[in-house]
PDB file of all heavy atoms in Angstrom:
ATOM      1  N   VAL A   1     -94.428 -71.770  17.830  1.00  0.00           N
ATOM      2  CA  VAL A   1     -93.994 -73.026  18.454  1.00  0.00           C
ATOM      3  C   VAL A   1     -92.509 -73.276  18.193  1.00  0.00           C
ATOM      4  O   VAL A   1     -91.801 -73.811  19.054  1.00  0.00           O
ATOM      5  CB  VAL A   1     -94.858 -74.200  17.941  1.00  0.00           C
ATOM      6  CG1 VAL A   1     -94.252 -75.545  18.292  1.00  0.00           C
ATOM      7  CG2 VAL A   1     -96.270 -74.093  18.490  1.00  0.00           C
ATOM      8  N   GLN A   2     -92.001 -72.873  17.045  1.00  0.00           N
ATOM      9  CA  GLN A   2     -90.601 -73.121  16.706  1.00  0.00           C
ATOM     10  C   GLN A   2     -89.640 -72.102  17.317  1.00  0.00           C
ATOM     11  O   GLN A   2     -88.446 -72.376  17.407  1.00  0.00           O
ATOM     12  CB  GLN A   2     -90.422 -73.134  15.190  1.00  0.00           C
ATOM     13  CG  GLN A   2     -91.044 -74.328  14.534  1.00  0.00           C
ATOM     14  CD  GLN A   2     -90.858 -74.318  13.026  1.00  0.00           C
ATOM     15  OE1 GLN A   2     -90.201 -73.458  12.468  1.00  0.00           O
ATOM     16  NE2 GLN A   2     -91.447 -75.298  12.368  1.00  0.00           N
ATOM     17  N   LEU A   3     -90.133 -70.955  17.743  1.00  0.00           N
ATOM     18  CA  LEU A   3     -89.254 -69.916  18.288  1.00  0.00           C
ATOM     19  C   LEU A   3     -88.401 -70.373  19.473  1.00  0.00           C
ATOM     20  O   LEU A   3     -87.207 -70.055  19.521  1.00  0.00           O
ATOM     21  CB  LEU A   3     -90.050 -68.667  18.650  1.00  0.00           C
ATOM     22  CG  LEU A   3     -90.322 -67.702  17.509  1.00  0.00           C
ATOM     23  CD1 LEU A   3     -91.122 -66.508  18.034  1.00  0.00           C
ATOM     24  CD2 LEU A   3     -89.060 -67.239  16.842  1.00  0.00           C
ATOM     25  N   PRO A   4     -88.944 -71.102  20.445  1.00  0.00           N
ATOM     26  CA  PRO A   4     -88.093 -71.525  21.556  1.00  0.00           C
ATOM     27  C   PRO A   4     -86.935 -72.445  21.137  1.00  0.00           C
ATOM     28  O   PRO A   4     -85.945 -72.557  21.838  1.00  0.00           O
ATOM     29  CB  PRO A   4     -89.047 -72.278  22.495  1.00  0.00           C
ATOM     30  CG  PRO A   4     -90.405 -71.820  22.129  1.00  0.00           C
ATOM     31  CD  PRO A   4     -90.342 -71.448  20.681  1.00  0.00           C
ATOM     32  N   PHE A   5     -87.066 -73.079  19.982  1.00  0.00           N
ATOM     33  CA  PHE A   5     -86.043 -74.007  19.510  1.00  0.00           C
ATOM     34  C   PHE A   5     -85.140 -73.387  18.446  1.00  0.00           C
ATOM     35  O   PHE A   5     -84.455 -74.098  17.713  1.00  0.00           O
ATOM     36  CB  PHE A   5     -86.715 -75.270  18.942  1.00  0.00           C
ATOM     37  CG  PHE A   5     -87.645 -75.922  19.917  1.00  0.00           C
ATOM     38  CD1 PHE A   5     -89.020 -75.782  19.800  1.00  0.00           C
ATOM     39  CD2 PHE A   5     -87.153 -76.661  20.973  1.00  0.00           C
ATOM     40  CE1 PHE A   5     -89.878 -76.371  20.702  1.00  0.00           C
ATOM     41  CE2 PHE A   5     -87.998 -77.262  21.891  1.00  0.00           C
ATOM     42  CZ  PHE A   5     -89.374 -77.110  21.750  1.00  0.00           C
ATOM     43  N   TYR A   6     -85.145 -72.059  18.375  1.00  0.00           N
ATOM     44  CA  TYR A   6     -84.367 -71.368  17.333  1.00  0.00           C
ATOM     45  C   TYR A   6     -82.892 -71.757  17.389  1.00  0.00           C
ATOM     46  O   TYR A   6     -82.259 -71.941  16.353  1.00  0.00           O
ATOM     47  CB  TYR A   6     -84.526 -69.849  17.448  1.00  0.00           C
ATOM     48  CG  TYR A   6     -83.910 -69.109  16.295  1.00  0.00           C
ATOM     49  CD1 TYR A   6     -84.603 -68.984  15.100  1.00  0.00           C
ATOM     50  CD2 TYR A   6     -82.626 -68.582  16.375  1.00  0.00           C
ATOM     51  CE1 TYR A   6     -84.054 -68.328  14.027  1.00  0.00           C
ATOM     52  CE2 TYR A   6     -82.054 -67.922  15.298  1.00  0.00           C
ATOM     53  CZ  TYR A   6     -82.780 -67.792  14.128  1.00  0.00           C
ATOM     54  OH  TYR A   6     -82.222 -67.153  13.054  1.00  0.00           O
ATOM     55  N   GLY A   7     -82.343 -71.887  18.588  1.00  0.00           N
ATOM     56  CA  GLY A   7     -80.925 -72.271  18.723  1.00  0.00           C
ATOM     57  C   GLY A   7     -80.640 -73.622  18.096  1.00  0.00           C
ATOM     58  O   GLY A   7     -79.629 -73.810  17.407  1.00  0.00           O
ATOM     59  N   TRP A   8     -81.535 -74.577  18.316  1.00  0.00           N
ATOM     60  CA  TRP A   8     -81.343 -75.900  17.731  1.00  0.00           C
ATOM     61  C   TRP A   8     -81.407 -75.822  16.202  1.00  0.00           C
ATOM     62  O   TRP A   8     -80.584 -76.431  15.512  1.00  0.00           O
ATOM     63  CB  TRP A   8     -82.421 -76.860  18.244  1.00  0.00           C
ATOM     64  CG  TRP A   8     -82.227 -78.259  17.744  1.00  0.00           C
ATOM     65  CD1 TRP A   8     -81.491 -79.242  18.318  1.00  0.00           C
ATOM     66  CD2 TRP A   8     -82.774 -78.813  16.545  1.00  0.00           C
ATOM     67  NE1 TRP A   8     -81.541 -80.384  17.565  1.00  0.00           N
ATOM     68  CE2 TRP A   8     -82.327 -80.142  16.455  1.00  0.00           C
ATOM     69  CE3 TRP A   8     -83.593 -78.323  15.536  1.00  0.00           C
ATOM     70  CZ2 TRP A   8     -82.676 -80.982  15.415  1.00  0.00           C
ATOM     71  CZ3 TRP A   8     -83.940 -79.158  14.492  1.00  0.00           C
ATOM     72  CH2 TRP A   8     -83.484 -80.475  14.434  1.00  0.00           C
ATOM     73  N   TYR A   9     -82.386 -75.069  15.706  1.00  0.00           N
ATOM     74  CA  TYR A   9     -82.499 -74.919  14.255  1.00  0.00           C
ATOM     75  C   TYR A   9     -81.248 -74.261  13.679  1.00  0.00           C
ATOM     76  O   TYR A   9     -80.770 -74.639  12.614  1.00  0.00           O
ATOM     77  CB  TYR A   9     -83.735 -74.092  13.885  1.00  0.00           C
ATOM     78  CG  TYR A   9     -85.039 -74.832  14.053  1.00  0.00           C
ATOM     79  CD1 TYR A   9     -85.984 -74.415  14.981  1.00  0.00           C
ATOM     80  CD2 TYR A   9     -85.341 -75.946  13.290  1.00  0.00           C
ATOM     81  CE1 TYR A   9     -87.177 -75.078  15.147  1.00  0.00           C
ATOM     82  CE2 TYR A   9     -86.531 -76.626  13.444  1.00  0.00           C
ATOM     83  CZ  TYR A   9     -87.447 -76.187  14.377  1.00  0.00           C
ATOM     84  OH  TYR A   9     -88.623 -76.863  14.529  1.00  0.00           O
ATOM     85  N   GLU A  10     -80.719 -73.276  14.401  1.00  0.00           N
ATOM     86  CA  GLU A  10     -79.524 -72.578  13.931  1.00  0.00           C
ATOM     87  C   GLU A  10     -78.306 -73.501  13.932  1.00  0.00           C
ATOM     88  O   GLU A  10     -77.514 -73.507  12.986  1.00  0.00           O
ATOM     89  CB  GLU A  10     -79.262 -71.352  14.807  1.00  0.00           C
ATOM     90  CG  GLU A  10     -78.193 -70.440  14.264  1.00  0.00           C
ATOM     91  CD  GLU A  10     -78.106 -69.163  15.069  1.00  0.00           C
ATOM     92  OE1 GLU A  10     -78.295 -69.206  16.290  1.00  0.00           O
ATOM     93  OE2 GLU A  10     -77.852 -68.124  14.430  1.00  0.00           O
ATOM     94  N   ASP A  11     -78.175 -74.319  14.970  1.00  0.00           N
ATOM     95  CA  ASP A  11     -77.053 -75.260  15.055  1.00  0.00           C
ATOM     96  C   ASP A  11     -77.085 -76.284  13.931  1.00  0.00           C
ATOM     97  O   ASP A  11     -76.040 -76.736  13.457  1.00  0.00           O
ATOM     98  CB  ASP A  11     -77.067 -75.995  16.402  1.00  0.00           C
ATOM     99  CG  ASP A  11     -76.771 -75.075  17.574  1.00  0.00           C
ATOM    100  OD1 ASP A  11     -76.228 -73.969  17.344  1.00  0.00           O
ATOM    101  OD2 ASP A  11     -77.098 -75.463  18.723  1.00  0.00           O
ATOM    102  N   HIS A  12     -78.252 -76.668  13.498  1.00  0.00           N
ATOM    103  CA  HIS A  12     -78.397 -77.703  12.473  1.00  0.00           C
ATOM    104  C   HIS A  12     -78.655 -77.144  11.073  1.00  0.00           C
ATOM    105  O   HIS A  12     -78.912 -77.906  10.136  1.00  0.00           O
ATOM    106  CB  HIS A  12     -79.506 -78.670  12.872  1.00  0.00           C
ATOM    107  CG  HIS A  12     -79.173 -79.491  14.072  1.00  0.00           C
ATOM    108  ND1 HIS A  12     -79.422 -79.049  15.360  1.00  0.00           N
ATOM    109  CD2 HIS A  12     -78.583 -80.704  14.201  1.00  0.00           C
ATOM    110  CE1 HIS A  12     -79.007 -79.963  16.218  1.00  0.00           C
ATOM    111  NE2 HIS A  12     -78.492 -80.981  15.541  1.00  0.00           N
ATOM    112  N   GLY A  13     -78.622 -75.820  10.940  1.00  0.00           N
ATOM    113  CA  GLY A  13     -78.801 -75.212   9.620  1.00  0.00           C
ATOM    114  C   GLY A  13     -80.218 -75.232   9.098  1.00  0.00           C
ATOM    115  O   GLY A  13     -80.446 -75.276   7.884  1.00  0.00           O
ATOM    116  N   HIS A  14     -81.182 -75.235  10.013  1.00  0.00           N
ATOM    117  CA  HIS A  14     -82.585 -75.296   9.606  1.00  0.00           C
ATOM    118  C   HIS A  14     -83.370 -74.051   9.986  1.00  0.00           C
ATOM    119  O   HIS A  14     -84.598 -74.105  10.162  1.00  0.00           O
ATOM    120  CB  HIS A  14     -83.280 -76.512  10.227  1.00  0.00           C
ATOM    121  CG  HIS A  14     -82.726 -77.823   9.783  1.00  0.00           C
ATOM    122  ND1 HIS A  14     -82.695 -78.211   8.470  1.00  0.00           N
ATOM    123  CD2 HIS A  14     -82.182 -78.835  10.491  1.00  0.00           C
ATOM    124  CE1 HIS A  14     -82.154 -79.421   8.380  1.00  0.00           C
ATOM    125  NE2 HIS A  14     -81.829 -79.820   9.598  1.00  0.00           N
ATOM    126  N   THR A  15     -82.723 -72.905  10.094  1.00  0.00           N
ATOM    127  CA  THR A  15     -83.455 -71.686  10.471  1.00  0.00           C
ATOM    128  C   THR A  15     -84.479 -71.292   9.414  1.00  0.00           C
ATOM    129  O   THR A  15     -85.440 -70.587   9.724  1.00  0.00           O
ATOM    130  CB  THR A  15     -82.492 -70.508  10.710  1.00  0.00           C
ATOM    131  OG1 THR A  15     -81.690 -70.322   9.555  1.00  0.00           O
ATOM    132  CG2 THR A  15     -81.619 -70.762  11.923  1.00  0.00           C
ATOM    133  N   TRP A  16     -84.294 -71.761   8.217  1.00  0.00           N
ATOM    134  CA  TRP A  16     -85.249 -71.429   7.160  1.00  0.00           C
ATOM    135  C   TRP A  16     -86.635 -71.980   7.475  1.00  0.00           C
ATOM    136  O   TRP A  16     -87.643 -71.465   6.986  1.00  0.00           O
ATOM    137  CB  TRP A  16     -84.743 -71.913   5.798  1.00  0.00           C
ATOM    138  CG  TRP A  16     -84.606 -73.400   5.669  1.00  0.00           C
ATOM    139  CD1 TRP A  16     -83.526 -74.166   5.982  1.00  0.00           C
ATOM    140  CD2 TRP A  16     -85.604 -74.304   5.189  1.00  0.00           C
ATOM    141  NE1 TRP A  16     -83.793 -75.489   5.740  1.00  0.00           N
ATOM    142  CE2 TRP A  16     -85.052 -75.602   5.238  1.00  0.00           C
ATOM    143  CE3 TRP A  16     -86.899 -74.138   4.722  1.00  0.00           C
ATOM    144  CZ2 TRP A  16     -85.760 -76.722   4.856  1.00  0.00           C
ATOM    145  CZ3 TRP A  16     -87.605 -75.265   4.326  1.00  0.00           C
ATOM    146  CH2 TRP A  16     -87.024 -76.538   4.391  1.00  0.00           C
ATOM    147  N   TRP A  17     -86.716 -73.041   8.304  1.00  0.00           N
ATOM    148  CA  TRP A  17     -88.023 -73.566   8.697  1.00  0.00           C
ATOM    149  C   TRP A  17     -88.815 -72.513   9.452  1.00  0.00           C
ATOM    150  O   TRP A  17     -90.016 -72.324   9.211  1.00  0.00           O
ATOM    151  CB  TRP A  17     -87.875 -74.798   9.581  1.00  0.00           C
ATOM    152  CG  TRP A  17     -87.402 -76.036   8.884  1.00  0.00           C
ATOM    153  CD1 TRP A  17     -86.970 -76.139   7.596  1.00  0.00           C
ATOM    154  CD2 TRP A  17     -87.306 -77.324   9.452  1.00  0.00           C
ATOM    155  NE1 TRP A  17     -86.607 -77.428   7.329  1.00  0.00           N
ATOM    156  CE2 TRP A  17     -86.800 -78.190   8.458  1.00  0.00           C
ATOM    157  CE3 TRP A  17     -87.585 -77.852  10.697  1.00  0.00           C
ATOM    158  CZ2 TRP A  17     -86.586 -79.539   8.672  1.00  0.00           C
ATOM    159  CZ3 TRP A  17     -87.363 -79.201  10.913  1.00  0.00           C
ATOM    160  CH2 TRP A  17     -86.875 -80.028   9.906  1.00  0.00           C
ATOM    161  N   VAL A  18     -88.135 -71.826  10.394  1.00  0.00           N
ATOM    162  CA  VAL A  18     -88.791 -70.802  11.201  1.00  0.00           C
ATOM    163  C   VAL A  18     -89.251 -69.654  10.307  1.00  0.00           C
ATOM    164  O   VAL A  18     -90.394 -69.187  10.393  1.00  0.00           O
ATOM    165  CB  VAL A  18     -87.840 -70.286  12.298  1.00  0.00           C
ATOM    166  CG1 VAL A  18     -88.490 -69.171  13.095  1.00  0.00           C
ATOM    167  CG2 VAL A  18     -87.399 -71.419  13.212  1.00  0.00           C
ATOM    168  N   TRP A  19     -88.374 -69.200   9.435  1.00  0.00           N
ATOM    169  CA  TRP A  19     -88.698 -68.041   8.591  1.00  0.00           C
ATOM    170  C   TRP A  19     -89.723 -68.392   7.517  1.00  0.00           C
ATOM    171  O   TRP A  19     -90.478 -67.525   7.068  1.00  0.00           O
ATOM    172  CB  TRP A  19     -87.426 -67.448   7.980  1.00  0.00           C
ATOM    173  CG  TRP A  19     -86.485 -67.042   9.067  1.00  0.00           C
ATOM    174  CD1 TRP A  19     -85.219 -67.503   9.279  1.00  0.00           C
ATOM    175  CD2 TRP A  19     -86.756 -66.129  10.135  1.00  0.00           C
ATOM    176  NE1 TRP A  19     -84.681 -66.933  10.408  1.00  0.00           N
ATOM    177  CE2 TRP A  19     -85.606 -66.077  10.950  1.00  0.00           C
ATOM    178  CE3 TRP A  19     -87.847 -65.364  10.498  1.00  0.00           C
ATOM    179  CZ2 TRP A  19     -85.529 -65.286  12.082  1.00  0.00           C
ATOM    180  CZ3 TRP A  19     -87.777 -64.570  11.629  1.00  0.00           C
ATOM    181  CH2 TRP A  19     -86.633 -64.531  12.407  1.00  0.00           C
ATOM    182  N   THR A  20     -89.776 -69.649   7.121  1.00  0.00           N
ATOM    183  CA  THR A  20     -90.819 -70.071   6.178  1.00  0.00           C
ATOM    184  C   THR A  20     -92.201 -69.949   6.823  1.00  0.00           C
ATOM    185  O   THR A  20     -93.159 -69.492   6.184  1.00  0.00           O
ATOM    186  CB  THR A  20     -90.583 -71.516   5.716  1.00  0.00           C
ATOM    187  OG1 THR A  20     -89.319 -71.588   5.046  1.00  0.00           O
ATOM    188  CG2 THR A  20     -91.672 -72.000   4.785  1.00  0.00           C
ATOM    189  N   CYS A  21     -92.294 -70.320   8.097  1.00  0.00           N
ATOM    190  CA  CYS A  21     -93.581 -70.194   8.802  1.00  0.00           C
ATOM    191  C   CYS A  21     -93.990 -68.730   8.939  1.00  0.00           C
ATOM    192  O   CYS A  21     -95.167 -68.392   8.775  1.00  0.00           O
ATOM    193  CB  CYS A  21     -93.489 -70.850  10.172  1.00  0.00           C
ATOM    194  SG  CYS A  21     -93.302 -72.639  10.096  1.00  0.00           S
ATOM    195  N   LEU A  22     -93.022 -67.855   9.219  1.00  0.00           N
ATOM    196  CA  LEU A  22     -93.346 -66.436   9.322  1.00  0.00           C
ATOM    197  C   LEU A  22     -93.788 -65.881   7.964  1.00  0.00           C
ATOM    198  O   LEU A  22     -94.751 -65.125   7.882  1.00  0.00           O
ATOM    199  CB  LEU A  22     -92.146 -65.647   9.840  1.00  0.00           C
ATOM    200  CG  LEU A  22     -92.374 -64.158  10.057  1.00  0.00           C
ATOM    201  CD1 LEU A  22     -93.463 -63.932  11.094  1.00  0.00           C
ATOM    202  CD2 LEU A  22     -91.090 -63.484  10.472  1.00  0.00           C
ATOM    203  N   ALA A  23     -93.102 -66.302   6.903  1.00  0.00           N
ATOM    204  CA  ALA A  23     -93.497 -65.858   5.559  1.00  0.00           C
ATOM    205  C   ALA A  23     -94.893 -66.376   5.204  1.00  0.00           C
ATOM    206  O   ALA A  23     -95.694 -65.656   4.599  1.00  0.00           O
ATOM    207  CB  ALA A  23     -92.480 -66.338   4.525  1.00  0.00           C
ATOM    208  N   GLY A  24     -95.205 -67.614   5.596  1.00  0.00           N
ATOM    209  CA  GLY A  24     -96.544 -68.161   5.356  1.00  0.00           C
ATOM    210  C   GLY A  24     -97.614 -67.358   6.065  1.00  0.00           C
ATOM    211  O   GLY A  24     -98.682 -67.090   5.514  1.00  0.00           O
TER     212      GLY A  24
END
């Protein structure tokens, strides 16, 4: 669900949210 918003996460410094879900 977060993959389409990767650009937004990257712009705001929150890419770790996406990678935390993958690690989980």
